Amino acid sequence: MRWNPSGDDSRQRIDEYIEKTGNTKEGESYKKSKYNWNPKVDQDKILRVTKSSYGTFNWCAHQYYLEKFKGLRGEEQPHHVRGKNVHDMAEWFWNNFTLKDSVLKLIEQNNIDEAMELMHSAVPPPPEPYMYGEEEQIKQWVNWQFYRLVHSKGINWEPVAVEPNIQASRYVEVDGEFIPIHMNGFIDSIFATDEGGFAPMELKTGKYKARSKVPAMRKELGFYKMMIEHSPHQEFLPVTNWGWEFPGGGMADGEGPTIFYEDAKKGGKYALRSVEKGLVKLVKAHLEMDFAPSPWLGKKKEDETIEDMLANNRMKCSWCDHVEQCPFWSITDEFLDGIMED
């Protein structure tokens, strides 16, 4: 079941952004940008990059091509619905929670259980039961906000921005040439830090494995840091910290519900360098219009068959909805058919 307690799934449109912020330059940059930018025919356009499109390209360039140039879309899966429902509830909570003072008063009186119950009572129940584990994740997430309130005593507890619309324009250097791009996106939340900086936070609804998630999340937050720094949104600078929340981190043999928060310098230097390299690859792929498939998840061993890699989830194709349209599988099918005929 898909349910948004705010009743509106829409995001701020670019004209609304311009009217609200007065950032005409960034608005015009957005309007001339496009995902399916082909420099050979779109001389008056530039490339648009979001965290999602950047992530898709770096996962598999051909999947990116099929989605951005051919308009292919995968079917909505249960984890998509879960993610939207949990995110929408978190957004609703920050925009509508009015019981902070009452909860703090109960905490001061040491009525901890009553205070927590009061905070949970503010969360509206869905019209029909959730189907994909949303209730457990929302409960865990609210628990975390409660304990943050106890610890912070309300100071810098609420985010300074919820789903802020960030628009940025910049240049990417490719083979000595500076190519203009447009970066944009909505960040889950941004918090003020006690040290006078700001911390973007991401909410995730999948499993948590520190070994894979920490590097990946640092790149995501590095993308956001870079985007903010190239935007006119100086109200969110400097980005001194960042973090992520995985309230359902224990699913599918994950390591458990996890909040991770750190100084952005700790992994930031590598993350920002990695993001920049990824942007160069992305822009270069558009300049050359070359989006080759990258099916291997890890390095393919010499004695490994495709069937072995698929069975062991060592091919990205296991998570792709566009295998039938992928040239890698056309070639592979022909090759396998030839072996069968022999």
Protein backbone atom coordinates (compact mmCIF):
# COMPACT_ATOMS: atom_id res chain seq x y z
CA MET A 1 0.00 0.00 0.00
CA ARG A 2 1.31 3.42 -1.00
CA TRP A 3 0.39 6.20 1.42
CA ASN A 4 1.66 9.72 1.94
CA PRO A 5 0.25 11.35 5.12
CA SER A 6 0.94 14.78 3.59
CA GLY A 7 -1.37 13.87 0.72
CA ASP A 8 0.96 15.24 -1.94
CA ASP A 9 3.81 13.42 -3.69
CA SER A 10 4.81 16.40 -5.81
CA ARG A 11 8.07 18.27 -5.41
CA GLN A 12 8.75 21.96 -5.89
CA ARG A 13 8.85 22.81 -9.59
CA ILE A 14 11.62 24.93 -11.05
CA ASP A 15 9.44 28.02 -11.55
CA GLU A 16 8.34 27.77 -7.92
CA TYR A 17 11.99 27.44 -6.92
CA ILE A 18 12.92 30.59 -8.86
CA GLU A 19 9.99 32.53 -7.40
CA LYS A 20 10.82 31.45 -3.84
CA THR A 21 14.61 31.86 -3.96
CA GLY A 22 15.23 34.41 -6.67
CA ASN A 23 18.00 32.17 -8.04
CA THR A 24 17.32 32.94 -11.69
CA LYS A 25 20.75 31.80 -12.92
CA GLU A 26 20.31 28.32 -11.45
CA GLY A 27 16.72 28.16 -12.67
CA GLU A 28 17.73 28.93 -16.22
CA SER A 29 20.58 26.44 -15.96
CA TYR A 30 18.08 23.76 -14.96
CA LYS A 31 15.77 24.63 -17.86
CA LYS A 32 18.53 24.20 -20.44
CA SER A 33 19.70 20.91 -18.92
CA LYS A 34 18.57 17.40 -19.80
CA TYR A 35 19.46 13.84 -18.84
CA ASN A 36 19.56 12.58 -22.44
CA TRP A 37 22.05 15.22 -23.52
CA ASN A 38 23.70 14.44 -26.84
CA PRO A 39 26.29 17.16 -27.54
CA LYS A 40 26.23 16.35 -31.24
CA VAL A 41 22.61 17.52 -31.56
CA ASP A 42 22.02 19.50 -28.35
CA GLN A 43 24.53 22.33 -28.72
CA ASP A 44 22.28 24.71 -26.76
CA LYS A 45 21.71 22.23 -23.91
CA ILE A 46 23.81 20.91 -21.02
CA LEU A 47 23.86 17.71 -18.98
CA ARG A 48 21.63 17.41 -15.90
CA VAL A 49 22.98 15.27 -13.07
CA THR A 50 21.24 14.11 -9.91
CA LYS A 51 22.50 11.77 -7.22
CA SER A 52 20.21 9.11 -8.69
CA SER A 53 21.34 9.51 -12.31
CA TYR A 54 24.98 9.66 -11.21
CA GLY A 55 24.50 6.48 -9.20
CA THR A 56 22.81 4.64 -12.06
CA PHE A 57 25.60 5.55 -14.49
CA ASN A 58 28.31 4.41 -12.11
CA TRP A 59 26.42 1.15 -11.53
CA CYS A 60 26.00 0.39 -15.24
CA ALA A 61 26.40 2.91 -18.04
CA HIS A 62 24.07 1.03 -20.37
CA GLN A 63 21.30 0.83 -17.79
CA TYR A 64 21.69 4.61 -17.52
CA TYR A 65 21.45 4.92 -21.31
CA LEU A 66 18.31 2.76 -21.52
CA GLU A 67 16.60 4.77 -18.80
CA LYS A 68 17.68 8.29 -19.77
CA PHE A 69 17.74 8.02 -23.55
CA LYS A 70 15.18 5.27 -24.23
CA GLY A 71 12.84 6.10 -21.35
CA LEU A 72 12.69 2.55 -19.99
CA ARG A 73 11.41 2.13 -16.45
CA GLY A 74 11.47 -0.89 -14.21
CA GLU A 75 8.43 -2.18 -12.39
CA GLU A 76 7.76 -0.80 -8.93
CA GLN A 77 8.94 -3.30 -6.33
CA PRO A 78 7.95 -3.70 -2.65
CA HIS A 79 11.19 -2.05 -1.50
CA HIS A 80 10.33 1.02 -3.61
CA VAL A 81 6.94 1.31 -1.89
CA ARG A 82 8.52 0.81 1.53
CA GLY A 83 11.11 3.48 0.84
CA LYS A 84 8.55 6.03 -0.30
CA ASN A 85 6.23 5.35 2.65
CA VAL A 86 8.96 5.65 5.28
CA HIS A 87 10.43 8.77 3.68
CA ASP A 88 7.02 10.41 3.40
CA MET A 89 6.29 9.73 7.08
CA ALA A 90 9.65 11.18 8.14
CA GLU A 91 9.01 14.28 6.03
CA TRP A 92 5.52 14.60 7.50
CA PHE A 93 6.90 14.25 11.04
CA TRP A 94 9.42 17.07 10.68
CA ASN A 95 6.87 19.36 9.03
CA ASN A 96 4.01 18.65 11.45
CA PHE A 97 5.33 17.57 14.86
CA THR A 98 4.12 20.11 17.46
CA LEU A 99 4.59 18.22 20.74
CA LYS A 100 8.27 18.97 21.32
CA ASP A 101 7.73 21.15 24.39
CA SER A 102 5.29 18.69 25.93
CA VAL A 103 7.66 15.78 25.35
CA LEU A 104 10.58 17.74 26.80
CA LYS A 105 8.55 18.60 29.88
CA LEU A 106 7.79 14.93 30.50
CA ILE A 107 11.47 14.11 30.00
CA GLU A 108 12.44 16.77 32.56
CA GLN A 109 9.99 15.15 34.97
CA ASN A 110 11.67 11.79 34.29
CA ASN A 111 8.47 10.38 32.78
CA ILE A 112 10.46 8.77 29.98
CA ASP A 113 7.96 6.09 28.95
CA GLU A 114 5.10 8.59 28.86
CA ALA A 115 7.23 11.03 26.87
CA MET A 116 8.11 8.40 24.28
CA GLU A 117 4.50 7.28 24.02
CA LEU A 118 3.44 10.89 23.44
CA MET A 119 5.96 11.28 20.62
CA HIS A 120 4.78 8.09 18.94
CA SER A 121 1.15 9.19 19.29
CA ALA A 122 1.84 12.04 16.88
CA VAL A 123 2.48 9.63 14.00
CA PRO A 124 -0.74 9.17 12.00
CA PRO A 125 -1.73 5.54 11.31
CA PRO A 126 -2.20 4.52 7.67
CA PRO A 127 -5.73 3.93 6.38
CA GLU A 128 -4.74 0.30 5.74
CA PRO A 129 -1.94 -1.71 7.36
CA TYR A 130 1.53 -1.31 5.87
CA MET A 131 2.67 -4.35 3.91
CA TYR A 132 6.45 -4.17 3.63
CA GLY A 133 7.83 -3.55 7.10
CA GLU A 134 7.24 0.20 7.14
CA GLU A 135 5.65 0.19 10.61
CA GLU A 136 8.73 -1.34 12.25
CA GLN A 137 11.06 1.09 10.50
CA ILE A 138 8.94 4.13 11.34
CA LYS A 139 8.83 3.05 14.99
CA GLN A 140 12.60 2.63 15.07
CA TRP A 141 13.12 5.99 13.39
CA VAL A 142 10.83 7.80 15.85
CA ASN A 143 12.65 6.09 18.74
CA TRP A 144 15.91 7.53 17.43
CA GLN A 145 14.43 11.03 17.24
CA PHE A 146 13.17 10.64 20.80
CA TYR A 147 16.59 9.66 22.13
CA ARG A 148 18.14 12.55 20.20
CA LEU A 149 15.66 14.87 21.91
CA VAL A 150 16.58 13.46 25.33
CA HIS A 151 20.28 13.92 24.61
CA SER A 152 20.10 17.34 22.93
CA LYS A 153 17.40 18.80 25.20
CA GLY A 154 15.94 20.27 22.02
CA ILE A 155 19.02 22.17 20.86
CA ASN A 156 19.55 21.70 17.08
CA TRP A 157 17.08 18.82 17.26
CA GLU A 158 14.91 19.75 14.31
CA PRO A 159 16.47 19.91 10.84
CA VAL A 160 17.00 23.37 9.37
CA ALA A 161 15.66 22.02 6.07
CA VAL A 162 13.53 19.04 5.03
CA GLU A 163 13.76 17.92 1.40
CA PRO A 164 15.38 21.23 0.33
CA ASN A 165 15.54 21.77 -3.41
CA ILE A 166 19.17 22.42 -4.35
CA GLN A 167 20.08 23.72 -7.82
CA ALA A 168 23.71 24.14 -8.82
CA SER A 169 25.70 24.84 -11.97
CA ARG A 170 29.38 24.14 -12.48
CA TYR A 171 32.02 22.96 -14.97
CA VAL A 172 33.66 19.54 -15.24
CA GLU A 173 37.11 19.28 -16.81
CA VAL A 174 37.34 16.51 -19.41
CA ASP A 175 40.59 16.15 -21.35
CA GLY A 176 41.48 19.79 -20.76
CA GLU A 177 38.05 21.12 -21.79
CA PHE A 178 35.62 22.61 -19.26
CA ILE A 179 32.09 21.31 -19.81
CA PRO A 180 29.10 22.97 -18.08
CA ILE A 181 26.67 20.73 -16.18
CA HIS A 182 23.68 21.23 -13.91
CA MET A 183 23.42 19.40 -10.57
CA ASN A 184 20.17 19.26 -8.65
CA GLY A 185 18.34 17.23 -6.06
CA PHE A 186 16.29 17.06 -2.88
CA ILE A 187 18.24 16.19 0.27
CA ASP A 188 16.33 14.22 2.91
CA SER A 189 17.26 16.62 5.71
CA ILE A 190 19.96 19.07 6.80
CA PHE A 191 20.79 19.74 10.45
CA ALA A 192 22.72 22.52 12.14
CA THR A 193 25.68 21.19 14.11
CA ASP A 194 26.79 22.30 17.54
CA GLU A 195 30.03 23.54 16.00
CA GLY A 196 28.31 26.02 13.69
CA GLY A 197 28.28 23.96 10.52
CA PHE A 198 25.68 21.84 8.76
CA ALA A 199 25.11 18.12 8.30
CA PRO A 200 23.05 16.56 5.47
CA MET A 201 21.43 13.29 6.57
CA GLU A 202 20.12 10.48 4.37
CA LEU A 203 17.36 8.05 5.37
CA LYS A 204 17.63 4.56 3.88
CA THR A 205 15.16 1.68 4.17
CA GLY A 206 17.28 -1.28 3.04
CA LYS A 207 19.70 -3.54 4.87
CA TYR A 208 22.93 -2.26 6.37
CA LYS A 209 26.35 -3.78 5.77
CA ALA A 210 29.06 -1.40 6.96
CA ARG A 211 31.72 -2.76 4.59
CA SER A 212 29.72 -1.80 1.50
CA LYS A 213 27.46 0.94 2.79
CA VAL A 214 30.00 3.25 4.41
CA PRO A 215 31.97 3.87 1.16
CA ALA A 216 28.77 4.09 -0.89
CA MET A 217 27.07 6.50 1.51
CA ARG A 218 30.15 8.69 1.72
CA LYS A 219 29.98 9.08 -2.05
CA GLU A 220 26.27 9.97 -1.89
CA LEU A 221 26.86 12.57 0.80
CA GLY A 222 29.96 13.75 -1.05
CA PHE A 223 27.76 14.36 -4.09
CA TYR A 224 25.41 16.44 -1.93
CA LYS A 225 28.28 18.39 -0.36
CA MET A 226 29.66 19.19 -3.80
CA MET A 227 26.20 20.17 -5.04
CA ILE A 228 25.62 22.56 -2.12
CA GLU A 229 29.06 24.11 -2.49
CA HIS A 230 28.40 24.89 -6.17
CA SER A 231 24.92 26.27 -5.44
CA PRO A 232 23.84 29.68 -4.18
CA HIS A 233 22.55 28.01 -1.00
CA GLN A 234 25.16 29.45 1.33
CA GLU A 235 22.70 29.06 4.21
CA PHE A 236 23.72 25.38 4.35
CA LEU A 237 27.48 25.98 4.43
CA PRO A 238 29.92 24.89 5.61
CA VAL A 239 29.08 21.18 5.41
CA THR A 240 31.12 19.94 8.36
CA ASN A 241 29.38 16.62 9.07
CA TRP A 242 27.13 14.09 7.43
CA GLY A 243 25.37 10.86 8.24
CA TRP A 244 22.75 8.28 7.41
CA GLU A 245 19.99 6.31 9.09
CA PHE A 246 19.09 2.68 8.34
CA PRO A 247 16.09 1.90 10.62
CA GLY A 248 15.56 -1.44 8.85
CA GLY A 249 19.25 -2.27 8.63
CA GLY A 250 18.77 -5.78 10.02
CA MET A 251 16.66 -7.09 7.15
CA ALA A 252 18.02 -9.74 4.78
CA ASP A 253 20.95 -10.64 7.05
CA GLY A 254 21.91 -7.00 7.54
CA GLU A 255 23.88 -5.84 10.55
CA GLY A 256 20.94 -4.21 12.31
CA PRO A 257 19.31 -0.78 12.59
CA THR A 258 22.10 1.76 12.31
CA ILE A 259 22.71 5.50 12.59
CA PHE A 260 26.09 6.63 11.26
CA TYR A 261 27.32 10.20 11.81
CA GLU A 262 30.80 11.57 11.23
CA ASP A 263 32.99 14.54 10.50
CA ALA A 264 32.79 15.06 6.75
CA LYS A 265 36.58 15.33 6.60
CA LYS A 266 37.01 11.73 7.75
CA GLY A 267 35.97 10.12 4.49
CA GLY A 268 35.21 13.28 2.59
CA LYS A 269 38.50 13.78 0.78
CA TYR A 270 38.35 10.36 -0.86
CA ALA A 271 34.59 10.60 -1.43
CA LEU A 272 34.76 13.98 -3.18
CA ARG A 273 37.68 12.83 -5.31
CA SER A 274 35.72 9.72 -6.27
CA VAL A 275 32.61 11.76 -7.11
CA GLU A 276 34.66 14.08 -9.32
CA LYS A 277 36.16 11.12 -11.19
CA GLY A 278 32.67 9.70 -11.66
CA LEU A 279 31.41 13.00 -13.06
CA VAL A 280 34.30 13.10 -15.52
CA LYS A 281 33.43 9.57 -16.70
CA LEU A 282 29.75 10.52 -17.01
CA VAL A 283 30.39 13.67 -19.03
CA LYS A 284 32.92 11.88 -21.22
CA ALA A 285 30.41 9.11 -21.95
CA HIS A 286 27.97 11.76 -23.21
CA LEU A 287 30.64 13.53 -25.26
CA GLU A 288 31.51 10.24 -26.95
CA MET A 289 27.97 8.81 -26.75
CA ASP A 290 29.45 5.57 -25.46
CA PHE A 291 27.48 3.75 -22.75
CA ALA A 292 28.82 0.22 -22.69
CA PRO A 293 27.32 -2.40 -20.34
CA SER A 294 29.28 -3.24 -17.17
CA PRO A 295 27.63 -6.47 -15.97
CA TRP A 296 30.27 -7.78 -13.56
CA LEU A 297 29.84 -7.22 -9.84
CA GLY A 298 33.45 -7.51 -8.84
CA LYS A 299 36.20 -8.98 -10.98
CA LYS A 300 35.24 -11.99 -13.09
CA LYS A 301 37.41 -15.02 -12.41
CA GLU A 302 38.85 -16.91 -15.34
CA ASP A 303 37.06 -20.18 -14.52
CA GLU A 304 33.73 -18.55 -13.61
CA THR A 305 30.79 -19.01 -15.94
CA ILE A 306 28.02 -16.49 -16.40
CA GLU A 307 25.62 -19.00 -14.84
CA ASP A 308 27.87 -19.24 -11.77
CA MET A 309 28.03 -15.48 -11.41
CA LEU A 310 24.27 -15.12 -11.74
CA ALA A 311 23.65 -17.90 -9.22
CA ASN A 312 26.00 -16.22 -6.73
CA ASN A 313 24.60 -12.71 -7.32
CA ARG A 314 27.90 -11.59 -8.82
CA MET A 315 26.33 -9.90 -11.81
CA LYS A 316 24.59 -6.53 -11.71
CA CYS A 317 22.09 -7.96 -14.18
CA SER A 318 20.39 -9.78 -11.28
CA TRP A 319 18.98 -6.40 -10.21
CA CYS A 320 18.25 -4.99 -13.68
CA ASP A 321 14.84 -4.81 -15.34
CA HIS A 322 16.28 -4.18 -18.81
CA VAL A 323 18.17 -7.39 -19.58
CA GLU A 324 16.08 -8.07 -22.69
CA GLN A 325 17.12 -4.72 -24.16
CA CYS A 326 20.81 -5.05 -23.22
CA PRO A 327 23.34 -5.78 -26.01
CA PHE A 328 25.49 -7.75 -23.57
CA TRP A 329 22.76 -10.35 -23.25
CA SER A 330 22.06 -10.38 -26.98
CA ILE A 331 25.68 -11.25 -27.62
CA THR A 332 25.71 -13.72 -24.74
CA ASP A 333 22.56 -15.49 -25.97
CA GLU A 334 24.00 -15.83 -29.46
CA PHE A 335 27.24 -17.19 -28.01
CA LEU A 336 25.43 -19.69 -25.81
CA ASP A 337 23.16 -20.75 -28.68
CA GLY A 338 26.24 -21.39 -30.80
CA ILE A 339 27.72 -23.61 -28.11
CA MET A 340 24.45 -25.56 -27.85
CA GLU A 341 24.35 -26.10 -31.63
CA ASP A 342 27.95 -27.34 -31.63
